[in-house]
Amino acid sequence: TETWRPPLLWPTTLDPKTIAQQPSMSVDQALEVIHQHYSNEDQFVGGMGESDAGVILATTTTASPNTDLLDCLDPVTSLIQQVKQERHGVPFLLQTAGIPSESVVVDWAAWQGLGTWQVSLYAASPPKYQQATGGSAAAAAAFGQVCQFLIEAHEHGMAVEATVVASQAAEGRDLALS
């Protein structure tokens, strides 16, 4: 089945054109935005939250160049834990390129239960990944890193999705099934 997720960085009523221009948020500021979103009478999510698209967490290259969500997991983990203490059942989608910086210690156990990881694979082969990302020759190695992240996340029982550009959908599906 096909799933759809709204293109939001936080559940907010901000004009999508201004989202990328927003300054970085503290955990407390993000928590307040989430509370405001769920307190809005127009934001009915059903008795059991069945129509709740959840909270989408991502970084933007314009707001924080070369920073991936994996590079700021301490505040992200803190935010998710605080929301889950106060609002049960809020789904989280964590968007990442799947390439943590060298300083990030991958702690699969600590990441369990945070939410669904959506990894931008972009394409189904190193050359097409390089083309899709506009990258250099190093993109071939980056493609391998992303694939390795997906494999390890799956092996550690994480909820994980891979996204590819529309023109690569069939090849991406074949790669996922291989």
C-alpha atoms as a PDB file:
ATOM      1  CA  THR A   1       0.000   0.000   0.000  1.00  0.00           C
ATOM      2  CA  GLU A   2       1.092   3.534  -0.632  1.00  0.00           C
ATOM      3  CA  THR A   3       1.563   5.881   2.318  1.00  0.00           C
ATOM      4  CA  TRP A   4       1.582   9.632   2.278  1.00  0.00           C
ATOM      5  CA  ARG A   5       3.174  11.938   4.785  1.00  0.00           C
ATOM      6  CA  PRO A   6       2.683  15.708   4.849  1.00  0.00           C
ATOM      7  CA  PRO A   7       5.812  17.746   4.067  1.00  0.00           C
ATOM      8  CA  LEU A   8       6.322  19.292   7.495  1.00  0.00           C
ATOM      9  CA  LEU A   9       9.426  19.602   9.599  1.00  0.00           C
ATOM     10  CA  TRP A  10       7.343  20.120  12.721  1.00  0.00           C
ATOM     11  CA  PRO A  11       3.569  20.073  13.003  1.00  0.00           C
ATOM     12  CA  THR A  12       3.101  23.758  12.387  1.00  0.00           C
ATOM     13  CA  THR A  13       0.873  26.152  10.504  1.00  0.00           C
ATOM     14  CA  LEU A  14       3.859  27.978   9.020  1.00  0.00           C
ATOM     15  CA  ASP A  15       3.802  28.605   5.309  1.00  0.00           C
ATOM     16  CA  PRO A  16       5.900  25.786   3.761  1.00  0.00           C
ATOM     17  CA  LYS A  17       7.980  28.402   1.917  1.00  0.00           C
ATOM     18  CA  THR A  18       9.213  29.780   5.241  1.00  0.00           C
ATOM     19  CA  ILE A  19       9.942  26.481   6.999  1.00  0.00           C
ATOM     20  CA  ALA A  20      13.480  26.214   5.619  1.00  0.00           C
ATOM     21  CA  GLN A  21      14.144  29.779   6.793  1.00  0.00           C
ATOM     22  CA  GLN A  22      13.243  29.005  10.408  1.00  0.00           C
ATOM     23  CA  PRO A  23      16.089  29.170  12.886  1.00  0.00           C
ATOM     24  CA  SER A  24      17.070  26.078  14.797  1.00  0.00           C
ATOM     25  CA  MET A  25      14.644  25.204  17.572  1.00  0.00           C
ATOM     26  CA  SER A  26      15.472  24.222  21.088  1.00  0.00           C
ATOM     27  CA  VAL A  27      13.832  21.109  22.506  1.00  0.00           C
ATOM     28  CA  ASP A  28      11.527  23.318  24.582  1.00  0.00           C
ATOM     29  CA  GLN A  29      10.517  25.393  21.547  1.00  0.00           C
ATOM     30  CA  ALA A  30       9.841  22.281  19.486  1.00  0.00           C
ATOM     31  CA  LEU A  31       7.851  20.766  22.346  1.00  0.00           C
ATOM     32  CA  GLU A  32       5.725  23.922  22.521  1.00  0.00           C
ATOM     33  CA  VAL A  33       5.060  23.799  18.741  1.00  0.00           C
ATOM     34  CA  ILE A  34       3.961  20.167  19.049  1.00  0.00           C
ATOM     35  CA  HIS A  35       1.685  20.972  22.007  1.00  0.00           C
ATOM     36  CA  GLN A  36       0.140  23.897  20.104  1.00  0.00           C
ATOM     37  CA  HIS A  37      -0.458  21.648  17.107  1.00  0.00           C
ATOM     38  CA  TYR A  38      -2.249  18.984  19.135  1.00  0.00           C
ATOM     39  CA  SER A  39      -4.206  21.589  21.146  1.00  0.00           C
ATOM     40  CA  ASN A  40      -5.672  23.137  17.997  1.00  0.00           C
ATOM     41  CA  GLU A  41      -9.365  22.258  17.684  1.00  0.00           C
ATOM     42  CA  ASP A  42      -8.979  21.965  13.901  1.00  0.00           C
ATOM     43  CA  GLN A  43      -6.371  19.232  14.422  1.00  0.00           C
ATOM     44  CA  PHE A  44      -8.684  16.344  15.310  1.00  0.00           C
ATOM     45  CA  VAL A  45      -6.770  13.074  15.097  1.00  0.00           C
ATOM     46  CA  GLY A  46      -9.592  10.705  15.978  1.00  0.00           C
ATOM     47  CA  GLY A  47     -10.358   8.986  19.228  1.00  0.00           C
ATOM     48  CA  MET A  48      -7.360   6.670  18.977  1.00  0.00           C
ATOM     49  CA  GLY A  49      -5.169   8.910  16.825  1.00  0.00           C
ATOM     50  CA  GLU A  50      -5.984   6.911  13.726  1.00  0.00           C
ATOM     51  CA  SER A  51      -5.837   9.953  11.448  1.00  0.00           C
ATOM     52  CA  ASP A  52      -2.698  11.429  13.000  1.00  0.00           C
ATOM     53  CA  ALA A  53       0.087  11.890  10.453  1.00  0.00           C
ATOM     54  CA  GLY A  54       2.405  12.471  13.400  1.00  0.00           C
ATOM     55  CA  VAL A  55       5.490  14.584  13.813  1.00  0.00           C
ATOM     56  CA  ILE A  56       8.102  14.673  11.084  1.00  0.00           C
ATOM     57  CA  LEU A  57      11.611  15.539  12.219  1.00  0.00           C
ATOM     58  CA  ALA A  58      14.226  16.579   9.698  1.00  0.00           C
ATOM     59  CA  THR A  59      17.002  19.035   9.169  1.00  0.00           C
ATOM     60  CA  THR A  60      17.202  21.341   6.193  1.00  0.00           C
ATOM     61  CA  THR A  61      20.385  22.100   4.345  1.00  0.00           C
ATOM     62  CA  THR A  62      19.494  25.803   4.297  1.00  0.00           C
ATOM     63  CA  ALA A  63      18.939  25.986   8.052  1.00  0.00           C
ATOM     64  CA  SER A  64      21.898  23.844   9.036  1.00  0.00           C
ATOM     65  CA  PRO A  65      24.287  23.087   6.180  1.00  0.00           C
ATOM     66  CA  ASN A  66      25.749  19.587   6.049  1.00  0.00           C
ATOM     67  CA  THR A  67      23.935  18.559   9.227  1.00  0.00           C
ATOM     68  CA  ASP A  68      21.897  15.388   9.207  1.00  0.00           C
ATOM     69  CA  LEU A  69      19.330  14.447  11.825  1.00  0.00           C
ATOM     70  CA  LEU A  70      21.752  11.691  12.866  1.00  0.00           C
ATOM     71  CA  ASP A  71      24.189  14.407  13.960  1.00  0.00           C
ATOM     72  CA  CYS A  72      21.769  15.896  16.495  1.00  0.00           C
ATOM     73  CA  LEU A  73      20.127  12.855  18.023  1.00  0.00           C
ATOM     74  CA  ASP A  74      20.557  13.878  21.670  1.00  0.00           C
ATOM     75  CA  PRO A  75      18.021  16.725  21.442  1.00  0.00           C
ATOM     76  CA  VAL A  76      15.815  14.694  19.089  1.00  0.00           C
ATOM     77  CA  THR A  77      15.748  11.765  21.532  1.00  0.00           C
ATOM     78  CA  SER A  78      14.994  14.145  24.410  1.00  0.00           C
ATOM     79  CA  LEU A  79      12.136  15.751  22.472  1.00  0.00           C
ATOM     80  CA  ILE A  80      10.566  12.428  21.502  1.00  0.00           C
ATOM     81  CA  GLN A  81      10.812  11.100  25.051  1.00  0.00           C
ATOM     82  CA  GLN A  82       9.142  14.235  26.449  1.00  0.00           C
ATOM     83  CA  VAL A  83       6.320  14.090  23.902  1.00  0.00           C
ATOM     84  CA  LYS A  84       5.749  10.385  24.570  1.00  0.00           C
ATOM     85  CA  GLN A  85       5.518  11.047  28.329  1.00  0.00           C
ATOM     86  CA  GLU A  86       2.721  13.541  27.793  1.00  0.00           C
ATOM     87  CA  ARG A  87       1.017  12.354  24.603  1.00  0.00           C
ATOM     88  CA  HIS A  88       0.829   8.628  24.048  1.00  0.00           C
ATOM     89  CA  GLY A  89       0.706   7.286  20.525  1.00  0.00           C
ATOM     90  CA  VAL A  90       2.123  10.264  18.636  1.00  0.00           C
ATOM     91  CA  PRO A  91       3.945   8.751  15.652  1.00  0.00           C
ATOM     92  CA  PHE A  92       7.333  10.158  14.686  1.00  0.00           C
ATOM     93  CA  LEU A  93       9.037  10.064  11.304  1.00  0.00           C
ATOM     94  CA  LEU A  94      12.760  10.827  11.361  1.00  0.00           C
ATOM     95  CA  GLN A  95      14.164  11.847   7.987  1.00  0.00           C
ATOM     96  CA  THR A  96      17.849  11.253   7.329  1.00  0.00           C
ATOM     97  CA  ALA A  97      20.323  10.841   4.523  1.00  0.00           C
ATOM     98  CA  GLY A  98      21.610   7.783   6.383  1.00  0.00           C
ATOM     99  CA  ILE A  99      25.170   9.079   6.537  1.00  0.00           C
ATOM    100  CA  PRO A 100      26.123  10.001  10.095  1.00  0.00           C
ATOM    101  CA  SER A 101      29.205  12.132  10.570  1.00  0.00           C
ATOM    102  CA  GLU A 102      32.302  10.370  11.860  1.00  0.00           C
ATOM    103  CA  SER A 103      31.690  11.781  15.347  1.00  0.00           C
ATOM    104  CA  VAL A 104      28.301  10.041  15.684  1.00  0.00           C
ATOM    105  CA  VAL A 105      28.330   6.837  17.692  1.00  0.00           C
ATOM    106  CA  VAL A 106      25.593   4.634  16.270  1.00  0.00           C
ATOM    107  CA  ASP A 107      23.615   3.430  19.276  1.00  0.00           C
ATOM    108  CA  TRP A 108      20.877   1.211  17.873  1.00  0.00           C
ATOM    109  CA  ALA A 109      19.567   0.277  21.329  1.00  0.00           C
ATOM    110  CA  ALA A 110      19.059   3.932  22.289  1.00  0.00           C
ATOM    111  CA  TRP A 111      17.286   4.621  18.994  1.00  0.00           C
ATOM    112  CA  GLN A 112      14.774   1.789  19.435  1.00  0.00           C
ATOM    113  CA  GLY A 113      11.220   3.061  19.577  1.00  0.00           C
ATOM    114  CA  LEU A 114      11.983   6.623  18.529  1.00  0.00           C
ATOM    115  CA  GLY A 115       9.875   6.258  15.420  1.00  0.00           C
ATOM    116  CA  THR A 116      10.152   5.324  11.780  1.00  0.00           C
ATOM    117  CA  TRP A 117      13.404   6.242  10.060  1.00  0.00           C
ATOM    118  CA  GLN A 118      12.918   7.503   6.516  1.00  0.00           C
ATOM    119  CA  VAL A 119      16.239   7.242   4.705  1.00  0.00           C
ATOM    120  CA  SER A 120      16.856   9.133   1.468  1.00  0.00           C
ATOM    121  CA  LEU A 121      18.400   6.554  -0.807  1.00  0.00           C
ATOM    122  CA  TYR A 122      17.496   8.654  -3.876  1.00  0.00           C
ATOM    123  CA  ALA A 123      18.425   5.997  -6.457  1.00  0.00           C
ATOM    124  CA  ALA A 124      19.119   2.320  -6.957  1.00  0.00           C
ATOM    125  CA  SER A 125      22.767   2.426  -8.053  1.00  0.00           C
ATOM    126  CA  PRO A 126      25.894   4.460  -7.275  1.00  0.00           C
ATOM    127  CA  PRO A 127      25.942   6.326 -10.627  1.00  0.00           C
ATOM    128  CA  LYS A 128      22.266   7.231 -10.365  1.00  0.00           C
ATOM    129  CA  TYR A 129      22.731   8.221  -6.717  1.00  0.00           C
ATOM    130  CA  GLN A 130      25.538  10.538  -7.793  1.00  0.00           C
ATOM    131  CA  GLN A 131      23.276  12.004 -10.483  1.00  0.00           C
ATOM    132  CA  ALA A 132      20.300  12.409  -8.117  1.00  0.00           C
ATOM    133  CA  THR A 133      22.359  14.071  -5.382  1.00  0.00           C
ATOM    134  CA  GLY A 134      24.436  16.204  -7.720  1.00  0.00           C
ATOM    135  CA  GLY A 135      27.392  14.741  -5.923  1.00  0.00           C
ATOM    136  CA  SER A 136      30.972  14.156  -6.817  1.00  0.00           C
ATOM    137  CA  ALA A 137      32.748  10.884  -7.415  1.00  0.00           C
ATOM    138  CA  ALA A 138      32.523  10.317  -3.645  1.00  0.00           C
ATOM    139  CA  ALA A 139      28.783   9.771  -4.114  1.00  0.00           C
ATOM    140  CA  ALA A 140      29.438   6.125  -4.996  1.00  0.00           C
ATOM    141  CA  ALA A 141      30.897   5.586  -1.535  1.00  0.00           C
ATOM    142  CA  ALA A 142      28.028   7.566  -0.002  1.00  0.00           C
ATOM    143  CA  PHE A 143      25.535   5.260  -1.755  1.00  0.00           C
ATOM    144  CA  GLY A 144      27.241   2.310  -0.076  1.00  0.00           C
ATOM    145  CA  GLN A 145      27.083   4.051   3.315  1.00  0.00           C
ATOM    146  CA  VAL A 146      23.353   4.682   2.933  1.00  0.00           C
ATOM    147  CA  CYS A 147      22.724   1.064   1.935  1.00  0.00           C
ATOM    148  CA  GLN A 148      24.787  -0.117   4.918  1.00  0.00           C
ATOM    149  CA  PHE A 149      22.786   2.137   7.250  1.00  0.00           C
ATOM    150  CA  LEU A 150      19.528   0.683   5.894  1.00  0.00           C
ATOM    151  CA  ILE A 151      20.784  -2.887   6.359  1.00  0.00           C
ATOM    152  CA  GLU A 152      22.019  -2.277   9.894  1.00  0.00           C
ATOM    153  CA  ALA A 153      18.841  -0.455  10.894  1.00  0.00           C
ATOM    154  CA  HIS A 154      16.755  -3.356   9.639  1.00  0.00           C
ATOM    155  CA  GLU A 155      18.992  -5.932  11.334  1.00  0.00           C
ATOM    156  CA  HIS A 156      18.595  -4.063  14.633  1.00  0.00           C
ATOM    157  CA  GLY A 157      14.803  -4.130  14.363  1.00  0.00           C
ATOM    158  CA  MET A 158      14.326  -0.475  13.527  1.00  0.00           C
ATOM    159  CA  ALA A 159      11.269   0.672  11.603  1.00  0.00           C
ATOM    160  CA  VAL A 160      12.874   1.962   8.418  1.00  0.00           C
ATOM    161  CA  GLU A 161      11.739   3.200   5.001  1.00  0.00           C
ATOM    162  CA  ALA A 162      13.860   4.101   1.995  1.00  0.00           C
ATOM    163  CA  THR A 163      12.866   6.848  -0.388  1.00  0.00           C
ATOM    164  CA  VAL A 164      13.992   7.169  -3.984  1.00  0.00           C
ATOM    165  CA  VAL A 165      13.211   9.733  -6.648  1.00  0.00           C
ATOM    166  CA  ALA A 166      10.093   8.886  -8.661  1.00  0.00           C
ATOM    167  CA  SER A 167      12.007   7.903 -11.794  1.00  0.00           C
ATOM    168  CA  GLN A 168      13.906   5.295  -9.736  1.00  0.00           C
ATOM    169  CA  ALA A 169      10.875   3.729  -8.016  1.00  0.00           C
ATOM    170  CA  ALA A 170      10.886   0.396  -9.884  1.00  0.00           C
ATOM    171  CA  GLU A 171      14.664  -0.051  -9.603  1.00  0.00           C
ATOM    172  CA  GLY A 172      14.555   1.012  -5.934  1.00  0.00           C
ATOM    173  CA  ARG A 173      11.862  -1.582  -5.213  1.00  0.00           C
ATOM    174  CA  ASP A 174      13.974  -4.257  -6.939  1.00  0.00           C
ATOM    175  CA  LEU A 175      16.994  -3.241  -4.861  1.00  0.00           C
ATOM    176  CA  ALA A 176      14.965  -3.447  -1.656  1.00  0.00           C
ATOM    177  CA  LEU A 177      13.758  -6.937  -2.513  1.00  0.00           C
ATOM    178  CA  SER A 178      17.223  -8.216  -3.431  1.00  0.00           C
END
